[in-house]
């Protein structure tokens, strides 16, 4: 599995600083917002399901949203572990 690398840009420089990488609160906040948005979409989709005759496409969309939420949560957990200095598996 490939990890996404983030490079920081020093405030005084226009170029990314090579050789240093760290994660900012911005990425953590961004992930949290993305998770919240996906959960809202998931809740809306689930609420709109009919009591009978659910179409396969409706279930596929719900499953895709659940998978996306799991991926974002995993990424957020890895980010938090890295910030604490724990090795990520």
PDB file of N, CA and C in Angstrom:
ATOM      1  N   UNK A   1       0.844  -1.175   0.000  1.00  0.00           N
ATOM      2  CA  UNK A   1       0.000   0.000   0.000  1.00  0.00           C
ATOM      3  C   UNK A   1       0.889   1.238   0.000  1.00  0.00           C
ATOM      4  N   UNK A   2       0.601   2.140  -0.904  1.00  0.00           N
ATOM      5  CA  UNK A   2       1.363   3.370  -0.979  1.00  0.00           C
ATOM      6  C   UNK A   2       0.800   4.396  -0.027  1.00  0.00           C
ATOM      7  N   UNK A   3       1.692   5.149   0.568  1.00  0.00           N
ATOM      8  CA  UNK A   3       1.264   6.239   1.441  1.00  0.00           C
ATOM      9  C   UNK A   3       1.387   7.542   0.688  1.00  0.00           C
ATOM     10  N   UNK A   4       0.496   8.429   0.992  1.00  0.00           N
ATOM     11  CA  UNK A   4       0.559   9.750   0.406  1.00  0.00           C
ATOM     12  C   UNK A   4       1.563  10.575   1.192  1.00  0.00           C
ATOM     13  N   UNK A   5       2.469  11.199   0.492  1.00  0.00           N
ATOM     14  CA  UNK A   5       3.457  12.045   1.159  1.00  0.00           C
ATOM     15  C   UNK A   5       3.028  13.495   1.042  1.00  0.00           C
ATOM     16  N   UNK A   6       3.212  14.210   2.110  1.00  0.00           N
ATOM     17  CA  UNK A   6       2.859  15.620   2.123  1.00  0.00           C
ATOM     18  C   UNK A   6       4.124  16.428   2.299  1.00  0.00           C
ATOM     19  N   UNK A   7       4.256  17.451   1.493  1.00  0.00           N
ATOM     20  CA  UNK A   7       5.388  18.351   1.653  1.00  0.00           C
ATOM     21  C   UNK A   7       4.865  19.681   2.148  1.00  0.00           C
ATOM     22  N   UNK A   8       5.632  20.293   2.982  1.00  0.00           N
ATOM     23  CA  UNK A   8       5.212  21.585   3.510  1.00  0.00           C
ATOM     24  C   UNK A   8       5.861  22.697   2.706  1.00  0.00           C
ATOM     25  N   UNK A   9       5.264  23.825   2.724  1.00  0.00           N
ATOM     26  CA  UNK A   9       5.830  25.014   2.096  1.00  0.00           C
ATOM     27  C   UNK A   9       6.117  25.996   3.217  1.00  0.00           C
ATOM     28  N   UNK A  10       7.371  26.390   3.304  1.00  0.00           N
ATOM     29  CA  UNK A  10       7.747  27.365   4.317  1.00  0.00           C
ATOM     30  C   UNK A  10       7.075  28.691   3.993  1.00  0.00           C
ATOM     31  N   UNK A  11       6.632  29.421   5.006  1.00  0.00           N
ATOM     32  CA  UNK A  11       5.922  30.680   4.766  1.00  0.00           C
ATOM     33  C   UNK A  11       6.731  31.695   3.964  1.00  0.00           C
ATOM     34  N   UNK A  12       8.054  31.693   4.126  1.00  0.00           N
ATOM     35  CA  UNK A  12       8.888  32.682   3.449  1.00  0.00           C
ATOM     36  C   UNK A  12       9.332  32.222   2.062  1.00  0.00           C
ATOM     37  N   UNK A  13       9.077  30.959   1.737  1.00  0.00           N
ATOM     38  CA  UNK A  13       9.539  30.413   0.465  1.00  0.00           C
ATOM     39  C   UNK A  13       8.345  30.025  -0.405  1.00  0.00           C
ATOM     40  N   UNK A  14       8.565  30.102  -1.689  1.00  0.00           N
ATOM     41  CA  UNK A  14       7.515  29.671  -2.607  1.00  0.00           C
ATOM     42  C   UNK A  14       7.668  28.199  -2.983  1.00  0.00           C
ATOM     43  N   UNK A  15       8.822  27.635  -2.723  1.00  0.00           N
ATOM     44  CA  UNK A  15       9.093  26.250  -3.086  1.00  0.00           C
ATOM     45  C   UNK A  15       8.897  25.326  -1.895  1.00  0.00           C
ATOM     46  N   UNK A  16       8.431  24.106  -2.136  1.00  0.00           N
ATOM     47  CA  UNK A  16       8.328  23.138  -1.041  1.00  0.00           C
ATOM     48  C   UNK A  16       9.708  22.811  -0.484  1.00  0.00           C
ATOM     49  N   UNK A  17       9.758  22.546   0.783  1.00  0.00           N
ATOM     50  CA  UNK A  17      11.012  22.188   1.432  1.00  0.00           C
ATOM     51  C   UNK A  17      11.195  20.689   1.258  1.00  0.00           C
ATOM     52  N   UNK A  18      12.274  20.296   0.574  1.00  0.00           N
ATOM     53  CA  UNK A  18      12.535  18.892   0.304  1.00  0.00           C
ATOM     54  C   UNK A  18      13.251  18.286   1.507  1.00  0.00           C
ATOM     55  N   UNK A  19      12.931  17.046   1.815  1.00  0.00           N
ATOM     56  CA  UNK A  19      13.615  16.364   2.903  1.00  0.00           C
ATOM     57  C   UNK A  19      12.882  16.450   4.223  1.00  0.00           C
ATOM     58  N   UNK A  20      11.910  17.310   4.313  1.00  0.00           N
ATOM     59  CA  UNK A  20      11.110  17.422   5.533  1.00  0.00           C
ATOM     60  C   UNK A  20       9.681  17.110   5.189  1.00  0.00           C
ATOM     61  N   UNK A  21       9.059  16.343   6.041  1.00  0.00           N
ATOM     62  CA  UNK A  21       7.629  16.157   5.873  1.00  0.00           C
ATOM     63  C   UNK A  21       6.994  16.143   7.245  1.00  0.00           C
ATOM     64  N   UNK A  22       5.897  16.789   7.339  1.00  0.00           N
ATOM     65  CA  UNK A  22       5.116  16.732   8.557  1.00  0.00           C
ATOM     66  C   UNK A  22       3.681  17.046   8.200  1.00  0.00           C
ATOM     67  N   UNK A  23       2.809  16.672   9.076  1.00  0.00           N
ATOM     68  CA  UNK A  23       1.402  16.842   8.814  1.00  0.00           C
ATOM     69  C   UNK A  23       0.889  17.982   9.674  1.00  0.00           C
ATOM     70  N   UNK A  24       0.046  18.766   9.100  1.00  0.00           N
ATOM     71  CA  UNK A  24      -0.498  19.897   9.832  1.00  0.00           C
ATOM     72  C   UNK A  24      -1.904  19.561  10.296  1.00  0.00           C
ATOM     73  N   UNK A  25      -2.413  20.349  11.193  1.00  0.00           N
ATOM     74  CA  UNK A  25      -3.778  20.188  11.653  1.00  0.00           C
ATOM     75  C   UNK A  25      -4.757  20.370  10.490  1.00  0.00           C
ATOM     76  N   UNK A  26      -4.332  21.117   9.474  1.00  0.00           N
ATOM     77  CA  UNK A  26      -5.210  21.360   8.338  1.00  0.00           C
ATOM     78  C   UNK A  26      -5.646  20.052   7.687  1.00  0.00           C
ATOM     79  N   UNK A  27      -4.745  19.128   7.486  1.00  0.00           N
ATOM     80  CA  UNK A  27      -5.080  17.851   6.858  1.00  0.00           C
ATOM     81  C   UNK A  27      -6.005  17.042   7.770  1.00  0.00           C
ATOM     82  N   UNK A  28      -5.734  17.070   9.067  1.00  0.00           N
ATOM     83  CA  UNK A  28      -6.586  16.357  10.017  1.00  0.00           C
ATOM     84  C   UNK A  28      -8.003  16.934  10.004  1.00  0.00           C
ATOM     85  N   UNK A  29      -8.092  18.241  10.019  1.00  0.00           N
ATOM     86  CA  UNK A  29      -9.398  18.898   9.976  1.00  0.00           C
ATOM     87  C   UNK A  29     -10.106  18.617   8.652  1.00  0.00           C
ATOM     88  N   UNK A  30      -9.349  18.620   7.574  1.00  0.00           N
ATOM     89  CA  UNK A  30      -9.913  18.353   6.256  1.00  0.00           C
ATOM     90  C   UNK A  30     -10.507  16.941   6.205  1.00  0.00           C
ATOM     91  N   UNK A  31      -9.768  15.967   6.718  1.00  0.00           N
ATOM     92  CA  UNK A  31     -10.271  14.594   6.755  1.00  0.00           C
ATOM     93  C   UNK A  31     -11.535  14.492   7.601  1.00  0.00           C
ATOM     94  N   UNK A  32     -11.525  15.154   8.742  1.00  0.00           N
ATOM     95  CA  UNK A  32     -12.690  15.105   9.624  1.00  0.00           C
ATOM     96  C   UNK A  32     -13.918  15.694   8.925  1.00  0.00           C
ATOM     97  N   UNK A  33     -13.730  16.789   8.212  1.00  0.00           N
ATOM     98  CA  UNK A  33     -14.849  17.403   7.481  1.00  0.00           C
ATOM     99  C   UNK A  33     -15.345  16.495   6.366  1.00  0.00           C
ATOM    100  N   UNK A  34     -14.398  15.852   5.670  1.00  0.00           N
ATOM    101  CA  UNK A  34     -14.786  14.930   4.601  1.00  0.00           C
ATOM    102  C   UNK A  34     -15.592  13.763   5.169  1.00  0.00           C
ATOM    103  N   UNK A  35     -15.172  13.248   6.310  1.00  0.00           N
ATOM    104  CA  UNK A  35     -15.897  12.153   6.959  1.00  0.00           C
ATOM    105  C   UNK A  35     -17.305  12.600   7.331  1.00  0.00           C
ATOM    106  N   UNK A  36     -17.412  13.779   7.913  1.00  0.00           N
ATOM    107  CA  UNK A  36     -18.725  14.296   8.300  1.00  0.00           C
ATOM    108  C   UNK A  36     -19.641  14.467   7.086  1.00  0.00           C
ATOM    109  N   UNK A  37     -19.099  14.974   5.977  1.00  0.00           N
ATOM    110  CA  UNK A  37     -19.894  15.152   4.763  1.00  0.00           C
ATOM    111  C   UNK A  37     -20.353  13.804   4.211  1.00  0.00           C
ATOM    112  N   UNK A  38     -19.445  12.831   4.192  1.00  0.00           N
ATOM    113  CA  UNK A  38     -19.802  11.500   3.699  1.00  0.00           C
ATOM    114  C   UNK A  38     -20.859  10.848   4.588  1.00  0.00           C
ATOM    115  N   UNK A  39     -20.728  11.030   5.907  1.00  0.00           N
ATOM    116  CA  UNK A  39     -21.717  10.462   6.829  1.00  0.00           C
ATOM    117  C   UNK A  39     -23.085  11.108   6.623  1.00  0.00           C
ATOM    118  N   UNK A  40     -23.107  12.400   6.348  1.00  0.00           N
ATOM    119  CA  UNK A  40     -24.372  13.082   6.085  1.00  0.00           C
ATOM    120  C   UNK A  40     -25.017  12.532   4.811  1.00  0.00           C
ATOM    121  N   UNK A  41     -24.201  12.367   3.757  1.00  0.00           N
ATOM    122  CA  UNK A  41     -24.722  11.796   2.515  1.00  0.00           C
ATOM    123  C   UNK A  41     -25.257  10.381   2.753  1.00  0.00           C
ATOM    124  N   UNK A  42     -24.516   9.606   3.551  1.00  0.00           N
ATOM    125  CA  UNK A  42     -24.940   8.240   3.851  1.00  0.00           C
ATOM    126  C   UNK A  42     -26.272   8.244   4.599  1.00  0.00           C
ATOM    127  N   UNK A  43     -26.393   9.093   5.597  1.00  0.00           N
ATOM    128  CA  UNK A  43     -27.647   9.183   6.356  1.00  0.00           C
ATOM    129  C   UNK A  43     -28.810   9.595   5.463  1.00  0.00           C
ATOM    130  N   UNK A  44     -28.569  10.545   4.559  1.00  0.00           N
ATOM    131  CA  UNK A  44     -29.612  10.983   3.630  1.00  0.00           C
ATOM    132  C   UNK A  44     -30.043   9.845   2.717  1.00  0.00           C
ATOM    133  N   UNK A  45     -29.063   9.105   2.200  1.00  0.00           N
ATOM    134  CA  UNK A  45     -29.371   7.975   1.313  1.00  0.00           C
ATOM    135  C   UNK A  45     -30.166   6.894   2.047  1.00  0.00           C
ATOM    136  N   UNK A  46     -29.731   6.581   3.271  1.00  0.00           N
ATOM    137  CA  UNK A  46     -30.426   5.549   4.046  1.00  0.00           C
ATOM    138  C   UNK A  46     -31.848   5.985   4.388  1.00  0.00           C
ATOM    139  N   UNK A  47     -32.016   7.253   4.695  1.00  0.00           N
ATOM    140  CA  UNK A  47     -33.354   7.759   5.028  1.00  0.00           C
ATOM    141  C   UNK A  47     -34.281   7.748   3.818  1.00  0.00           C
ATOM    142  N   UNK A  48     -33.723   7.846   2.631  1.00  0.00           N
ATOM    143  CA  UNK A  48     -34.557   7.890   1.428  1.00  0.00           C
ATOM    144  C   UNK A  48     -34.884   6.503   0.864  1.00  0.00           C
ATOM    145  N   UNK A  49     -34.366   5.458   1.494  1.00  0.00           N
ATOM    146  CA  UNK A  49     -34.668   4.109   1.009  1.00  0.00           C
ATOM    147  C   UNK A  49     -36.149   3.784   1.234  1.00  0.00           C
ATOM    148  N   UNK A  50     -36.765   3.197   0.244  1.00  0.00           N
ATOM    149  CA  UNK A  50     -38.161   2.792   0.437  1.00  0.00           C
ATOM    150  C   UNK A  50     -38.232   1.569   1.359  1.00  0.00           C
ATOM    151  N   UNK A  51     -39.375   1.379   1.981  1.00  0.00           N
ATOM    152  CA  UNK A  51     -39.555   0.236   2.882  1.00  0.00           C
ATOM    153  C   UNK A  51     -39.508  -1.078   2.103  1.00  0.00           C
ATOM    154  N   UNK A  52     -39.942  -1.039   0.854  1.00  0.00           N
ATOM    155  CA  UNK A  52     -39.964  -2.231   0.002  1.00  0.00           C
ATOM    156  C   UNK A  52     -39.348  -1.897  -1.343  1.00  0.00           C
ATOM    157  N   UNK A  53     -38.925  -2.900  -2.040  1.00  0.00           N
ATOM    158  CA  UNK A  53     -38.424  -2.757  -3.413  1.00  0.00           C
ATOM    159  C   UNK A  53     -37.222  -1.825  -3.518  1.00  0.00           C
ATOM    160  N   UNK A  54     -36.223  -2.086  -2.716  1.00  0.00           N
ATOM    161  CA  UNK A  54     -34.980  -1.316  -2.802  1.00  0.00           C
ATOM    162  C   UNK A  54     -34.239  -1.763  -4.054  1.00  0.00           C
ATOM    163  N   UNK A  55     -33.815  -0.804  -4.847  1.00  0.00           N
ATOM    164  CA  UNK A  55     -33.087  -1.115  -6.076  1.00  0.00           C
ATOM    165  C   UNK A  55     -31.614  -1.408  -5.760  1.00  0.00           C
ATOM    166  N   UNK A  56     -31.015  -2.314  -6.512  1.00  0.00           N
ATOM    167  CA  UNK A  56     -29.597  -2.638  -6.286  1.00  0.00           C
ATOM    168  C   UNK A  56     -28.690  -1.408  -6.365  1.00  0.00           C
ATOM    169  N   UNK A  57     -28.993  -0.494  -7.278  1.00  0.00           N
ATOM    170  CA  UNK A  57     -28.175   0.718  -7.420  1.00  0.00           C
ATOM    171  C   UNK A  57     -28.178   1.542  -6.133  1.00  0.00           C
ATOM    172  N   UNK A  58     -29.301   1.582  -5.455  1.00  0.00           N
ATOM    173  CA  UNK A  58     -29.380   2.329  -4.191  1.00  0.00           C
ATOM    174  C   UNK A  58     -28.447   1.704  -3.146  1.00  0.00           C
ATOM    175  N   UNK A  59     -28.426   0.390  -3.093  1.00  0.00           N
ATOM    176  CA  UNK A  59     -27.562  -0.294  -2.135  1.00  0.00           C
ATOM    177  C   UNK A  59     -26.085  -0.121  -2.489  1.00  0.00           C
ATOM    178  N   UNK A  60     -25.782  -0.107  -3.793  1.00  0.00           N
ATOM    179  CA  UNK A  60     -24.395   0.093  -4.218  1.00  0.00           C
ATOM    180  C   UNK A  60     -23.877   1.465  -3.799  1.00  0.00           C
ATOM    181  N   UNK A  61     -24.696   2.478  -3.939  1.00  0.00           N
ATOM    182  CA  UNK A  61     -24.294   3.829  -3.544  1.00  0.00           C
ATOM    183  C   UNK A  61     -24.022   3.869  -2.039  1.00  0.00           C
ATOM    184  N   UNK A  62     -24.873   3.227  -1.260  1.00  0.00           N
ATOM    185  CA  UNK A  62     -24.689   3.190   0.195  1.00  0.00           C
ATOM    186  C   UNK A  62     -23.397   2.460   0.547  1.00  0.00           C
ATOM    187  N   UNK A  63     -23.145   1.339  -0.114  1.00  0.00           N
ATOM    188  CA  UNK A  63     -21.919   0.585   0.148  1.00  0.00           C
ATOM    189  C   UNK A  63     -20.681   1.396  -0.225  1.00  0.00           C
ATOM    190  N   UNK A  64     -20.751   2.130  -1.334  1.00  0.00           N
ATOM    191  CA  UNK A  64     -19.626   2.972  -1.748  1.00  0.00           C
ATOM    192  C   UNK A  64     -19.362   4.067  -0.720  1.00  0.00           C
ATOM    193  N   UNK A  65     -20.406   4.664  -0.199  1.00  0.00           N
ATOM    194  CA  UNK A  65     -20.242   5.695   0.827  1.00  0.00           C
ATOM    195  C   UNK A  65     -19.625   5.103   2.091  1.00  0.00           C
ATOM    196  N   UNK A  66     -20.080   3.924   2.489  1.00  0.00           N
ATOM    197  CA  UNK A  66     -19.521   3.271   3.676  1.00  0.00           C
ATOM    198  C   UNK A  66     -18.042   2.958   3.489  1.00  0.00           C
ATOM    199  N   UNK A  67     -17.680   2.495   2.296  1.00  0.00           N
ATOM    200  CA  UNK A  67     -16.280   2.195   2.000  1.00  0.00           C
ATOM    201  C   UNK A  67     -15.436   3.470   2.033  1.00  0.00           C
ATOM    202  N   UNK A  68     -15.953   4.537   1.480  1.00  0.00           N
ATOM    203  CA  UNK A  68     -15.228   5.816   1.480  1.00  0.00           C
ATOM    204  C   UNK A  68     -15.026   6.326   2.904  1.00  0.00           C
ATOM    205  N   UNK A  69     -16.040   6.185   3.738  1.00  0.00           N
ATOM    206  CA  UNK A  69     -15.931   6.622   5.137  1.00  0.00           C
ATOM    207  C   UNK A  69     -14.868   5.804   5.857  1.00  0.00           C
ATOM    208  N   UNK A  70     -14.867   4.494   5.650  1.00  0.00           N
ATOM    209  CA  UNK A  70     -13.863   3.642   6.282  1.00  0.00           C
ATOM    210  C   UNK A  70     -12.454   4.036   5.849  1.00  0.00           C
ATOM    211  N   UNK A  71     -12.282   4.318   4.558  1.00  0.00           N
ATOM    212  CA  UNK A  71     -10.974   4.731   4.048  1.00  0.00           C
ATOM    213  C   UNK A  71     -10.498   6.032   4.665  1.00  0.00           C
ATOM    214  N   UNK A  72     -11.402   6.998   4.777  1.00  0.00           N
ATOM    215  CA  UNK A  72     -11.043   8.290   5.365  1.00  0.00           C
ATOM    216  C   UNK A  72     -10.719   8.144   6.852  1.00  0.00           C
ATOM    217  N   UNK A  73     -11.479   7.296   7.547  1.00  0.00           N
ATOM    218  CA  UNK A  73     -11.203   7.070   8.975  1.00  0.00           C
ATOM    219  C   UNK A  73      -9.849   6.407   9.165  1.00  0.00           C
ATOM    220  N   UNK A  74      -9.534   5.458   8.301  1.00  0.00           N
ATOM    221  CA  UNK A  74      -8.231   4.792   8.387  1.00  0.00           C
ATOM    222  C   UNK A  74      -7.108   5.799   8.145  1.00  0.00           C
ATOM    223  N   UNK A  75      -7.279   6.629   7.134  1.00  0.00           N
ATOM    224  CA  UNK A  75      -6.277   7.652   6.833  1.00  0.00           C
ATOM    225  C   UNK A  75      -6.111   8.621   8.007  1.00  0.00           C
ATOM    226  N   UNK A  76      -7.234   9.004   8.629  1.00  0.00           N
ATOM    227  CA  UNK A  76      -7.188   9.897   9.781  1.00  0.00           C
ATOM    228  C   UNK A  76      -6.477   9.233  10.961  1.00  0.00           C
ATOM    229  N   UNK A  77      -6.763   7.962  11.196  1.00  0.00           N
ATOM    230  CA  UNK A  77      -6.086   7.232  12.274  1.00  0.00           C
ATOM    231  C   UNK A  77      -4.587   7.148  12.029  1.00  0.00           C
ATOM    232  N   UNK A  78      -4.194   6.861  10.786  1.00  0.00           N
ATOM    233  CA  UNK A  78      -2.770   6.788  10.448  1.00  0.00           C
ATOM    234  C   UNK A  78      -2.095   8.139  10.641  1.00  0.00           C
ATOM    235  N   UNK A  79      -2.770   9.185  10.245  1.00  0.00           N
ATOM    236  CA  UNK A  79      -2.242  10.537  10.406  1.00  0.00           C
ATOM    237  C   UNK A  79      -2.013  10.852  11.879  1.00  0.00           C
ATOM    238  N   UNK A  80      -2.985  10.512  12.705  1.00  0.00           N
ATOM    239  CA  UNK A  80      -2.860  10.772  14.137  1.00  0.00           C
ATOM    240  C   UNK A  80      -1.745   9.942  14.764  1.00  0.00           C
ATOM    241  N   UNK A  81      -1.586   8.700  14.317  1.00  0.00           N
ATOM    242  CA  UNK A  81      -0.497   7.860  14.821  1.00  0.00           C
ATOM    243  C   UNK A  81       0.851   8.449  14.447  1.00  0.00           C
ATOM    244  N   UNK A  82       0.983   8.914  13.203  1.00  0.00           N
ATOM    245  CA  UNK A  82       2.230   9.518  12.754  1.00  0.00           C
ATOM    246  C   UNK A  82       2.551  10.776  13.541  1.00  0.00           C
ATOM    247  N   UNK A  83       1.530  11.541  13.847  1.00  0.00           N
ATOM    248  CA  UNK A  83       1.741  12.776  14.619  1.00  0.00           C
ATOM    249  C   UNK A  83       2.233  12.459  16.024  1.00  0.00           C
ATOM    250  N   UNK A  84       1.806  11.305  16.538  1.00  0.00           N
ATOM    251  CA  UNK A  84       2.238  10.904  17.885  1.00  0.00           C
ATOM    252  C   UNK A  84       3.583  10.198  17.855  1.00  0.00           C
ATOM    253  N   UNK A  85       4.093   9.914  16.663  1.00  0.00           N
ATOM    254  CA  UNK A  85       5.395   9.279  16.548  1.00  0.00           C
ATOM    255  C   UNK A  85       5.329   7.765  16.552  1.00  0.00           C
ATOM    256  N   UNK A  86       4.139   7.211  16.476  1.00  0.00           N
ATOM    257  CA  UNK A  86       3.987   5.756  16.428  1.00  0.00           C
ATOM    258  C   UNK A  86       4.186   5.278  15.005  1.00  0.00           C
ATOM    259  N   UNK A  87       4.793   4.107  14.848  1.00  0.00           N
ATOM    260  CA  UNK A  87       4.933   3.575  13.490  1.00  0.00           C
ATOM    261  C   UNK A  87       3.576   3.168  12.942  1.00  0.00           C
ATOM    262  N   UNK A  88       3.387   3.387  11.653  1.00  0.00           N
ATOM    263  CA  UNK A  88       2.137   3.036  10.998  1.00  0.00           C
ATOM    264  C   UNK A  88       2.347   1.713  10.293  1.00  0.00           C
ATOM    265  N   UNK A  89       1.425   0.776  10.472  1.00  0.00           N
ATOM    266  CA  UNK A  89       1.550  -0.550   9.838  1.00  0.00           C
ATOM    267  C   UNK A  89       0.963  -0.531   8.461  1.00  0.00           C
TER     268      UNK A  89
END
